[in-house]
Amino acid sequence: MNNSSDCRQSETSVPVDKDSNQRELLPAEPMERIASVDALRGLVILLMIFVNDVAGVKSAPAWLKHVSARADGMTLPDMVFPAFLFIMGMSVPLALGRALARGRSKIRLLSKVMRRTLALLIMGVLMVNIEQHNPGYRGLWGLLAYPAIFMAFLVIPPGPERKRKIFMIVRVTGFASLAVLALFYRTADGKHLILGPIFDQSDTIWLRHSWWGILGLIGWAYLLTALIYLVFGRRREWLIGAVGLLAMLYVADHEGLFSRVDSRAWLTWAAPAIKQIERFIEGLGAHVSIGQSLGSLASISMAGCCLGTILLPGSQIQTHAERLKWAVIYGIGLILAALLFDPLFGINKIRATPAWCFYCASLTTLTWAALYWIMDVRKYRAWSLIVRPAGMNPLTAYILHPWIYIIAGFLHLPIWFYKSSEFPVIVAVFGCLAMAFAIVGLTGLIGRFGCRMKA
């Protein structure tokens, strides 16, 4: 989850590669923050907390529930996660472009991308397994895991050396705590893991990546998007092509990547190499979905990356009118792509169909365009104070919600009383909305102490 959505014009510049392989000047100074990007991220996090909370309300209306795997359509909750993938993709060129402008090499940035991906995968796996662990003493394992995650991935702030040392000690303590918790992990049926029988592990199950969790899926999409951007840079024709290829990877995986190779006589000479590639793909597919995690879901963040390039200093699209025009045309293009894919697999979040991906990407594009006009053109920004904490510190807001519920369960505090069937559904829905705002407010309070998470 990247919060670097900066874009400030400056007279001090350094040369970087241009779209046309010529040279251009980009500012080396910190860039002005695009208010609409943070606001959109904050709104999406607020909605994510809300729909996660309202999922526990059995009487909630259908439009506040995820559709089933067999459905052909989508509801409000089905559009929230792809919106975050999209906004994460928008931040990739802003963050990496700024780093490149400051003279950082692509090798160093590649190392940073890999570390961030690994962090998201680790957090995703831990959160998935928190749901499956043996609750032990009233959920003690999960109660300790969330603060350990928070401490392990705290941002060490610039400032006095004493403060930096304190934060570094907190981070080391967080990582050490996660290691100890992993050693003591048990599955829901109570089987021991690492600390179980040493020589006979046949009936033990350790931490499993399962579907990687939301953060893990974000991690895979971020990895593909960042790698593609590091290779092709801001050349939008290549980035848009990558969006289409990632969507087609879903189609190829669904139909069988190598299903017709044997019938192609002209590929006989390459059969041994193809077999090796096939084995590698099968091995990779046993751990991560090729068509979904590395295909259609990554296409959403890649679509966001394309849009993010128009916000870079030095872009040929500079004025407010040009950016809004490009975004609207781009949003319409995404709708057309969705219409082309719709007959193949329909619209479905659980199956991550390409049509669902493109419809959601289009909706997010047009929503950002509206926010850009309101906040960056007309300068109406005061209203965003209510969602800004979540936009600036999304990871903290995301993990706070389940942790608050675990704390409440541990202390027997019925904070979810508004979901009771004794109350009208309107009370439950507004209760979930109040909970979402409370989490965002608490995130802002934590941020005031200089505590911010970053993968």
Protein backbone atom coordinates (compact mmCIF):
# COMPACT_ATOMS: atom_id res chain seq x y z
CA MET A 1 0.00 0.00 0.00
CA ASN A 2 1.76 3.01 -1.19
CA ASN A 3 0.89 6.48 0.03
CA SER A 4 3.27 8.40 -2.23
CA SER A 5 0.92 10.36 -4.47
CA ASP A 6 3.12 13.44 -4.87
CA CYS A 7 3.39 15.82 -7.77
CA ARG A 8 5.06 19.27 -7.31
CA GLN A 9 6.53 21.45 -10.02
CA SER A 10 10.00 22.79 -9.36
CA GLU A 11 12.73 24.66 -11.20
CA THR A 12 15.37 22.21 -10.00
CA SER A 13 15.35 19.26 -12.37
CA VAL A 14 17.25 16.16 -13.36
CA PRO A 15 17.19 14.37 -16.74
CA VAL A 16 15.23 11.15 -17.15
CA ASP A 17 14.02 9.12 -20.11
CA LYS A 18 11.03 10.50 -21.96
CA ASP A 19 8.14 8.55 -23.52
CA SER A 20 9.71 9.07 -26.95
CA ASN A 21 13.12 7.87 -25.74
CA GLN A 22 14.39 11.46 -25.76
CA ARG A 23 15.46 13.41 -22.67
CA GLU A 24 13.23 15.52 -20.48
CA LEU A 25 13.45 17.38 -17.20
CA LEU A 26 11.66 16.23 -14.08
CA PRO A 27 11.73 18.01 -10.73
CA ALA A 28 14.09 16.63 -8.16
CA GLU A 29 12.31 18.43 -5.31
CA PRO A 30 9.37 16.95 -3.37
CA MET A 31 6.23 17.06 -5.49
CA GLU A 32 2.90 18.62 -4.54
CA ARG A 33 0.45 16.06 -3.23
CA ILE A 34 -2.52 15.32 -5.49
CA ALA A 35 -5.39 15.74 -3.03
CA SER A 36 -7.86 13.64 -5.01
CA VAL A 37 -5.60 10.57 -4.89
CA ASP A 38 -5.45 10.57 -1.09
CA ALA A 39 -9.16 11.34 -0.84
CA LEU A 40 -10.07 8.45 -3.14
CA ARG A 41 -7.83 6.09 -1.16
CA GLY A 42 -9.43 7.26 2.08
CA LEU A 43 -12.96 6.80 0.73
CA VAL A 44 -12.11 3.31 -0.50
CA ILE A 45 -10.65 2.28 2.88
CA LEU A 46 -13.73 3.71 4.64
CA LEU A 47 -15.98 1.69 2.31
CA MET A 48 -13.82 -1.41 2.77
CA ILE A 49 -14.24 -1.28 6.54
CA PHE A 50 -17.96 -0.61 6.14
CA VAL A 51 -18.68 -3.52 3.78
CA ASN A 52 -16.55 -5.88 5.89
CA ASP A 53 -18.58 -4.90 8.94
CA VAL A 54 -21.96 -5.03 7.23
CA ALA A 55 -21.15 -8.55 5.98
CA GLY A 56 -22.10 -9.75 9.47
CA VAL A 57 -25.60 -8.28 9.18
CA LYS A 58 -27.82 -11.09 7.92
CA SER A 59 -30.73 -8.80 7.17
CA ALA A 60 -28.68 -6.31 5.14
CA PRO A 61 -30.06 -5.54 1.65
CA ALA A 62 -28.72 -7.53 -1.30
CA TRP A 63 -26.80 -4.56 -2.72
CA LEU A 64 -24.65 -4.55 0.44
CA LYS A 65 -23.75 -8.23 0.07
CA HIS A 66 -21.14 -9.86 -2.17
CA VAL A 67 -22.61 -11.83 -5.06
CA SER A 68 -22.07 -15.58 -5.20
CA ALA A 69 -19.46 -17.30 -7.37
CA ARG A 70 -22.18 -18.30 -9.85
CA ALA A 71 -23.74 -14.85 -10.20
CA ASP A 72 -23.33 -12.61 -13.23
CA GLY A 73 -23.21 -9.12 -11.78
CA MET A 74 -21.78 -7.07 -8.96
CA THR A 75 -22.87 -5.04 -5.96
CA LEU A 76 -21.26 -2.20 -3.97
CA PRO A 77 -19.01 -4.51 -1.88
CA ASP A 78 -17.76 -6.16 -5.08
CA MET A 79 -16.40 -2.82 -6.29
CA VAL A 80 -14.40 -1.81 -3.21
CA PHE A 81 -11.41 -4.14 -3.39
CA PRO A 82 -10.73 -3.50 -7.11
CA ALA A 83 -10.96 0.24 -6.41
CA PHE A 84 -8.13 -0.13 -3.91
CA LEU A 85 -6.10 -2.18 -6.39
CA PHE A 86 -6.61 0.61 -8.92
CA ILE A 87 -5.59 3.42 -6.58
CA MET A 88 -2.56 1.39 -5.51
CA GLY A 89 -1.60 1.14 -9.17
CA MET A 90 -1.99 4.91 -9.58
CA SER A 91 0.56 5.43 -6.81
CA VAL A 92 3.20 3.23 -8.46
CA PRO A 93 4.39 5.71 -11.15
CA LEU A 94 4.14 8.59 -8.68
CA ALA A 95 6.34 6.86 -6.12
CA LEU A 96 8.80 5.16 -8.49
CA GLY A 97 8.89 8.15 -10.82
CA ARG A 98 9.82 10.44 -7.96
CA ALA A 99 12.55 8.03 -6.82
CA LEU A 100 13.97 7.79 -10.34
CA ALA A 101 13.95 11.58 -10.62
CA ARG A 102 16.01 11.74 -7.45
CA GLY A 103 18.63 9.54 -9.05
CA ARG A 104 17.85 6.16 -7.51
CA SER A 105 18.78 3.24 -9.74
CA LYS A 106 16.26 0.70 -11.00
CA ILE A 107 18.21 -2.04 -9.22
CA ARG A 108 17.70 -0.33 -5.86
CA LEU A 109 14.05 0.24 -6.65
CA LEU A 110 13.66 -3.40 -7.64
CA SER A 111 14.99 -4.40 -4.21
CA LYS A 112 12.47 -2.05 -2.60
CA VAL A 113 9.63 -3.51 -4.68
CA MET A 114 10.57 -7.06 -3.67
CA ARG A 115 10.73 -6.12 0.04
CA ARG A 116 7.36 -4.41 -0.11
CA THR A 117 5.82 -7.37 -1.91
CA LEU A 118 7.21 -9.79 0.67
CA ALA A 119 5.86 -7.62 3.50
CA LEU A 120 2.35 -7.60 1.99
CA LEU A 121 2.45 -11.37 1.45
CA ILE A 122 3.56 -11.97 5.05
CA MET A 123 0.80 -9.75 6.43
CA GLY A 124 -1.75 -11.38 4.16
CA VAL A 125 -0.78 -14.90 5.25
CA LEU A 126 -0.84 -13.96 8.93
CA MET A 127 -4.28 -12.37 8.67
CA VAL A 128 -5.69 -15.37 6.79
CA ASN A 129 -4.36 -17.74 9.45
CA ILE A 130 -5.66 -15.61 12.31
CA GLU A 131 -9.14 -16.57 11.08
CA GLN A 132 -8.25 -20.29 11.16
CA HIS A 133 -6.16 -20.61 14.31
CA ASN A 134 -7.21 -22.34 17.51
CA PRO A 135 -8.69 -19.52 19.61
CA GLY A 136 -6.95 -20.88 22.68
CA TYR A 137 -7.60 -18.54 25.57
CA ARG A 138 -10.33 -16.34 24.06
CA GLY A 139 -8.43 -15.51 20.88
CA LEU A 140 -5.12 -14.69 22.54
CA TRP A 141 -3.03 -15.56 19.46
CA GLY A 142 -4.89 -13.13 17.22
CA LEU A 143 -4.98 -10.55 19.98
CA LEU A 144 -1.17 -10.54 20.03
CA ALA A 145 -0.63 -10.99 16.29
CA TYR A 146 -2.21 -7.72 15.15
CA PRO A 147 -0.11 -5.40 17.37
CA ALA A 148 2.96 -7.41 16.38
CA ILE A 149 2.14 -6.79 12.71
CA PHE A 150 1.64 -3.10 13.48
CA MET A 151 4.99 -2.82 15.26
CA ALA A 152 6.92 -4.84 12.68
CA PHE A 153 5.86 -2.62 9.78
CA LEU A 154 6.01 0.79 11.43
CA VAL A 155 7.63 3.54 9.40
CA ILE A 156 10.78 4.86 11.08
CA PRO A 157 10.26 8.63 10.95
CA PRO A 158 12.91 11.20 10.13
CA GLY A 159 13.75 13.29 13.13
CA PRO A 160 15.73 13.14 16.34
CA GLU A 161 18.05 10.16 16.61
CA ARG A 162 16.50 9.19 19.93
CA LYS A 163 13.05 8.91 18.38
CA ARG A 164 14.42 6.87 15.46
CA LYS A 165 16.09 4.43 17.84
CA ILE A 166 12.84 3.95 19.77
CA PHE A 167 10.95 3.16 16.56
CA MET A 168 13.70 0.77 15.44
CA ILE A 169 13.48 -1.08 18.77
CA VAL A 170 9.69 -1.29 18.33
CA ARG A 171 10.11 -2.74 14.83
CA VAL A 172 12.63 -5.35 15.94
CA THR A 173 10.32 -6.30 18.82
CA GLY A 174 7.45 -6.65 16.35
CA PHE A 175 9.36 -8.99 14.05
CA ALA A 176 10.61 -11.06 16.99
CA SER A 177 7.04 -11.32 18.31
CA LEU A 178 5.76 -12.50 14.94
CA ALA A 179 8.46 -15.20 14.85
CA VAL A 180 7.50 -16.45 18.33
CA LEU A 181 3.79 -16.39 17.49
CA ALA A 182 4.45 -18.39 14.32
CA LEU A 183 6.23 -21.03 16.40
CA PHE A 184 3.24 -21.38 18.71
CA TYR A 185 0.61 -21.38 15.97
CA ARG A 186 -2.11 -24.07 16.11
CA THR A 187 -4.80 -24.88 13.60
CA ALA A 188 -8.48 -24.71 14.44
CA ASP A 189 -8.55 -28.41 15.35
CA GLY A 190 -5.77 -27.87 17.86
CA LYS A 191 -2.91 -29.58 16.02
CA HIS A 192 0.57 -28.41 16.91
CA LEU A 193 2.76 -26.86 14.28
CA ILE A 194 6.51 -26.22 14.52
CA LEU A 195 6.54 -27.04 18.22
CA GLY A 196 4.63 -30.27 17.63
CA PRO A 197 6.22 -33.72 17.14
CA ILE A 198 9.69 -33.21 15.66
CA PHE A 199 10.03 -36.39 13.63
CA ASP A 200 6.42 -37.08 12.70
CA GLN A 201 4.74 -34.04 11.13
CA SER A 202 2.25 -36.01 9.06
CA ASP A 203 -0.76 -34.74 10.99
CA THR A 204 0.42 -31.18 11.54
CA ILE A 205 -0.45 -28.10 9.51
CA TRP A 206 1.52 -24.86 9.75
CA LEU A 207 0.71 -21.38 8.50
CA ARG A 208 -0.85 -21.75 5.04
CA HIS A 209 -1.02 -19.06 2.38
CA SER A 210 -4.45 -20.31 1.31
CA TRP A 211 -5.72 -17.50 -0.96
CA TRP A 212 -3.09 -15.08 0.44
CA GLY A 213 -5.69 -12.75 1.94
CA ILE A 214 -6.56 -9.27 0.69
CA LEU A 215 -3.11 -7.89 1.47
CA GLY A 216 -1.45 -10.83 -0.25
CA LEU A 217 -3.50 -10.30 -3.41
CA ILE A 218 -2.53 -6.64 -3.30
CA GLY A 219 1.09 -7.74 -2.95
CA TRP A 220 1.02 -9.89 -6.10
CA ALA A 221 -0.72 -7.15 -8.11
CA TYR A 222 1.78 -4.57 -6.83
CA LEU A 223 4.71 -6.80 -7.82
CA LEU A 224 3.53 -7.21 -11.42
CA THR A 225 2.62 -3.53 -11.79
CA ALA A 226 5.88 -2.23 -10.35
CA LEU A 227 8.01 -4.60 -12.43
CA ILE A 228 6.23 -3.64 -15.64
CA TYR A 229 6.56 0.06 -14.83
CA LEU A 230 10.28 -0.29 -14.09
CA VAL A 231 10.74 -1.92 -17.51
CA PHE A 232 8.59 0.37 -19.66
CA GLY A 233 8.44 3.55 -17.60
CA ARG A 234 5.79 6.12 -18.45
CA ARG A 235 5.24 4.94 -22.02
CA ARG A 236 1.48 4.63 -21.84
CA GLU A 237 1.08 2.68 -25.07
CA TRP A 238 3.18 -0.12 -23.54
CA LEU A 239 1.41 0.08 -20.18
CA ILE A 240 -2.02 -0.10 -21.79
CA GLY A 241 -0.82 -3.08 -23.80
CA ALA A 242 0.28 -4.71 -20.52
CA VAL A 243 -3.25 -4.21 -19.14
CA GLY A 244 -4.69 -6.14 -22.08
CA LEU A 245 -2.09 -8.92 -21.86
CA LEU A 246 -2.70 -9.44 -18.14
CA ALA A 247 -6.43 -9.73 -18.81
CA MET A 248 -5.73 -12.23 -21.61
CA LEU A 249 -3.60 -14.24 -19.18
CA TYR A 250 -6.85 -14.94 -17.32
CA VAL A 251 -8.42 -16.22 -20.55
CA ALA A 252 -5.39 -18.36 -21.38
CA ASP A 253 -5.24 -19.84 -17.88
CA HIS A 254 -8.96 -20.58 -17.94
CA GLU A 255 -8.69 -22.41 -21.25
CA GLY A 256 -5.38 -24.09 -20.40
CA LEU A 257 -2.07 -22.36 -21.09
CA PHE A 258 -0.51 -25.34 -22.88
CA SER A 259 -3.65 -27.23 -23.93
CA ARG A 260 -2.96 -26.99 -27.68
CA VAL A 261 0.82 -27.19 -27.79
CA ASP A 262 0.89 -30.94 -28.57
CA SER A 263 -1.26 -30.40 -31.66
CA ARG A 264 1.15 -27.84 -33.14
CA ALA A 265 3.64 -29.75 -35.27
CA TRP A 266 5.69 -26.62 -35.92
CA LEU A 267 6.44 -26.43 -32.18
CA THR A 268 7.92 -29.93 -31.99
CA TRP A 269 11.47 -28.59 -31.93
CA ALA A 270 10.66 -26.52 -28.83
CA ALA A 271 8.79 -29.29 -26.97
CA PRO A 272 11.50 -29.89 -24.30
CA ALA A 273 11.73 -26.20 -23.43
CA ILE A 274 7.95 -25.84 -23.39
CA LYS A 275 7.67 -28.81 -21.04
CA GLN A 276 10.08 -27.15 -18.63
CA ILE A 277 8.10 -23.90 -18.77
CA GLU A 278 4.89 -25.88 -18.24
CA ARG A 279 6.31 -27.56 -15.13
CA PHE A 280 7.40 -24.19 -13.76
CA ILE A 281 3.96 -22.66 -14.42
CA GLU A 282 2.24 -25.64 -12.77
CA GLY A 283 4.49 -25.33 -9.73
CA LEU A 284 3.83 -21.60 -9.49
CA GLY A 285 0.11 -22.16 -10.00
CA ALA A 286 0.04 -24.48 -6.99
CA HIS A 287 0.83 -21.47 -4.80
CA VAL A 288 -0.72 -18.50 -6.58
CA SER A 289 -3.52 -18.22 -9.13
CA ILE A 290 -1.96 -17.48 -12.51
CA GLY A 291 -5.14 -16.23 -14.14
CA GLN A 292 -6.48 -14.23 -11.22
CA SER A 293 -3.71 -13.02 -8.90
CA LEU A 294 -1.14 -12.57 -11.68
CA GLY A 295 -3.64 -11.90 -14.45
CA SER A 296 -6.96 -10.16 -14.09
CA LEU A 297 -6.39 -8.65 -10.63
CA ALA A 298 -3.00 -7.32 -11.70
CA SER A 299 -4.67 -5.80 -14.77
CA ILE A 300 -6.71 -3.56 -12.45
CA SER A 301 -3.64 -2.10 -10.74
CA MET A 302 -1.91 -1.86 -14.12
CA ALA A 303 -4.87 0.16 -15.40
CA GLY A 304 -4.42 2.46 -12.41
CA CYS A 305 -0.73 2.76 -13.23
CA CYS A 306 -1.60 4.01 -16.72
CA LEU A 307 -3.80 6.73 -15.26
CA GLY A 308 -1.17 7.67 -12.69
CA THR A 309 1.35 8.52 -15.43
CA ILE A 310 -0.67 11.57 -16.50
CA LEU A 311 0.00 13.11 -13.07
CA LEU A 312 3.78 12.93 -13.41
CA PRO A 313 5.73 16.15 -13.88
CA GLY A 314 6.98 16.28 -17.44
CA SER A 315 3.97 14.43 -18.76
CA GLN A 316 2.59 15.69 -22.05
CA ILE A 317 -0.78 15.91 -20.28
CA GLN A 318 -0.33 18.87 -17.93
CA THR A 319 -3.39 21.09 -17.65
CA HIS A 320 -6.47 20.26 -15.59
CA ALA A 321 -8.63 20.17 -18.72
CA GLU A 322 -6.26 17.77 -20.49
CA ARG A 323 -6.11 15.43 -17.51
CA LEU A 324 -9.89 15.37 -17.11
CA LYS A 325 -10.41 14.78 -20.84
CA TRP A 326 -7.86 11.95 -20.89
CA ALA A 327 -9.37 10.32 -17.79
CA VAL A 328 -12.92 10.40 -19.19
CA ILE A 329 -11.84 8.95 -22.55
CA TYR A 330 -9.76 6.34 -20.73
CA GLY A 331 -12.73 5.42 -18.52
CA ILE A 332 -14.92 4.97 -21.61
CA GLY A 333 -12.23 2.79 -23.17
CA LEU A 334 -12.20 0.55 -20.10
CA ILE A 335 -15.98 0.17 -20.38
CA LEU A 336 -15.59 -0.92 -24.00
CA ALA A 337 -12.97 -3.47 -22.95
CA ALA A 338 -15.37 -4.78 -20.31
CA LEU A 339 -18.10 -5.16 -22.92
CA LEU A 340 -15.75 -7.23 -25.10
CA PHE A 341 -14.85 -9.59 -22.24
CA ASP A 342 -18.37 -9.79 -20.80
CA PRO A 343 -19.66 -12.56 -23.14
CA LEU A 344 -16.73 -14.83 -22.23
CA PHE A 345 -16.98 -15.10 -18.44
CA GLY A 346 -19.56 -12.56 -17.30
CA ILE A 347 -19.13 -10.27 -14.30
CA ASN A 348 -18.06 -11.84 -11.02
CA LYS A 349 -15.76 -10.75 -8.18
CA ILE A 350 -15.05 -14.17 -6.70
CA ARG A 351 -13.92 -15.50 -10.08
CA ALA A 352 -12.15 -12.17 -10.84
CA THR A 353 -13.45 -12.11 -14.40
CA PRO A 354 -11.88 -9.57 -16.79
CA ALA A 355 -15.22 -7.84 -17.42
CA TRP A 356 -15.61 -7.24 -13.67
CA CYS A 357 -12.04 -5.91 -13.54
CA PHE A 358 -12.55 -3.44 -16.39
CA TYR A 359 -15.95 -2.23 -15.21
CA CYS A 360 -14.52 -1.54 -11.74
CA ALA A 361 -11.42 0.12 -13.18
CA SER A 362 -13.63 2.35 -15.32
CA LEU A 363 -15.83 3.30 -12.38
CA THR A 364 -12.78 4.13 -10.26
CA THR A 365 -11.28 6.22 -13.09
CA LEU A 366 -14.43 8.29 -13.45
CA THR A 367 -14.76 8.65 -9.68
CA TRP A 368 -11.20 9.94 -9.49
CA ALA A 369 -11.91 12.39 -12.33
CA ALA A 370 -14.86 13.79 -10.38
CA LEU A 371 -12.76 14.09 -7.22
CA TYR A 372 -9.92 15.69 -9.20
CA TRP A 373 -12.30 18.35 -10.50
CA ILE A 374 -13.71 19.00 -7.02
CA MET A 375 -10.45 18.97 -5.05
CA ASP A 376 -7.57 19.83 -7.38
CA VAL A 377 -9.38 22.11 -9.81
CA ARG A 378 -12.06 23.77 -7.68
CA LYS A 379 -10.02 23.40 -4.46
CA TYR A 380 -12.96 22.13 -2.34
CA ARG A 381 -10.90 20.02 0.06
CA ALA A 382 -12.16 20.65 3.58
CA TRP A 383 -14.71 17.81 3.42
CA SER A 384 -11.93 15.25 2.91
CA LEU A 385 -10.71 15.71 6.49
CA ILE A 386 -13.09 12.92 7.54
CA VAL A 387 -11.38 10.34 5.30
CA ARG A 388 -7.86 11.77 5.08
CA PRO A 389 -6.45 9.66 7.98
CA ALA A 390 -7.38 6.46 6.16
CA GLY A 391 -5.91 7.76 2.91
CA MET A 392 -2.62 8.66 4.58
CA ASN A 393 -2.37 5.50 6.70
CA PRO A 394 -4.43 2.78 4.98
CA LEU A 395 -2.66 -0.26 6.44
CA THR A 396 -3.28 0.87 9.99
CA ALA A 397 -6.97 1.47 9.30
CA TYR A 398 -7.30 -1.90 7.61
CA ILE A 399 -5.86 -3.98 10.48
CA LEU A 400 -7.50 -1.92 13.24
CA HIS A 401 -11.00 -3.10 12.41
CA PRO A 402 -10.51 -6.87 13.01
CA TRP A 403 -8.21 -6.19 15.95
CA ILE A 404 -10.88 -4.07 17.68
CA TYR A 405 -13.31 -6.97 17.34
CA ILE A 406 -10.80 -9.44 18.79
CA ILE A 407 -10.19 -7.12 21.76
CA ALA A 408 -13.93 -6.79 22.29
CA GLY A 409 -14.37 -10.57 22.18
CA PHE A 410 -11.48 -11.07 24.59
CA LEU A 411 -13.03 -8.63 27.07
CA HIS A 412 -16.62 -9.75 26.40
CA LEU A 413 -17.62 -6.28 25.19
CA PRO A 414 -20.63 -6.52 22.82
CA ILE A 415 -19.63 -3.61 20.61
CA TRP A 416 -21.41 -5.30 17.70
CA PHE A 417 -24.79 -4.92 19.41
CA TYR A 418 -26.13 -2.88 16.48
CA LYS A 419 -26.05 -6.02 14.33
CA SER A 420 -28.60 -7.78 16.53
CA SER A 421 -31.74 -9.01 14.80
CA GLU A 422 -33.71 -7.16 17.47
CA PHE A 423 -32.93 -3.89 15.72
CA PRO A 424 -34.22 -2.75 12.32
CA VAL A 425 -31.81 -3.22 9.43
CA ILE A 426 -31.40 0.55 9.14
CA VAL A 427 -29.90 0.60 12.64
CA ALA A 428 -27.44 -2.14 11.71
CA VAL A 429 -26.36 -0.40 8.50
CA PHE A 430 -25.85 2.96 10.21
CA GLY A 431 -24.07 1.18 13.04
CA CYS A 432 -21.61 -0.31 10.54
CA LEU A 433 -21.12 3.12 9.01
CA ALA A 434 -20.45 4.60 12.45
CA MET A 435 -17.93 1.83 13.13
CA ALA A 436 -16.12 2.64 9.86
CA PHE A 437 -15.85 6.33 10.76
CA ALA A 438 -14.70 5.41 14.27
CA ILE A 439 -11.88 3.26 12.85
CA VAL A 440 -10.83 6.10 10.53
CA GLY A 441 -10.88 8.54 13.46
CA LEU A 442 -8.78 6.19 15.58
CA THR A 443 -6.35 5.85 12.66
CA GLY A 444 -5.99 9.62 12.60
CA LEU A 445 -5.34 9.69 16.35
CA ILE A 446 -2.60 7.08 15.99
CA GLY A 447 -1.11 9.07 13.13
CA ARG A 448 -0.85 12.15 15.35
CA PHE A 449 1.70 10.24 17.43
CA GLY A 450 3.81 9.72 14.32
CA CYS A 451 2.86 6.06 13.96
CA ARG A 452 2.29 4.99 10.38
CA MET A 453 2.46 1.57 8.76
CA LYS A 454 4.02 0.90 5.40
CA ALA A 455 4.75 -2.35 3.67
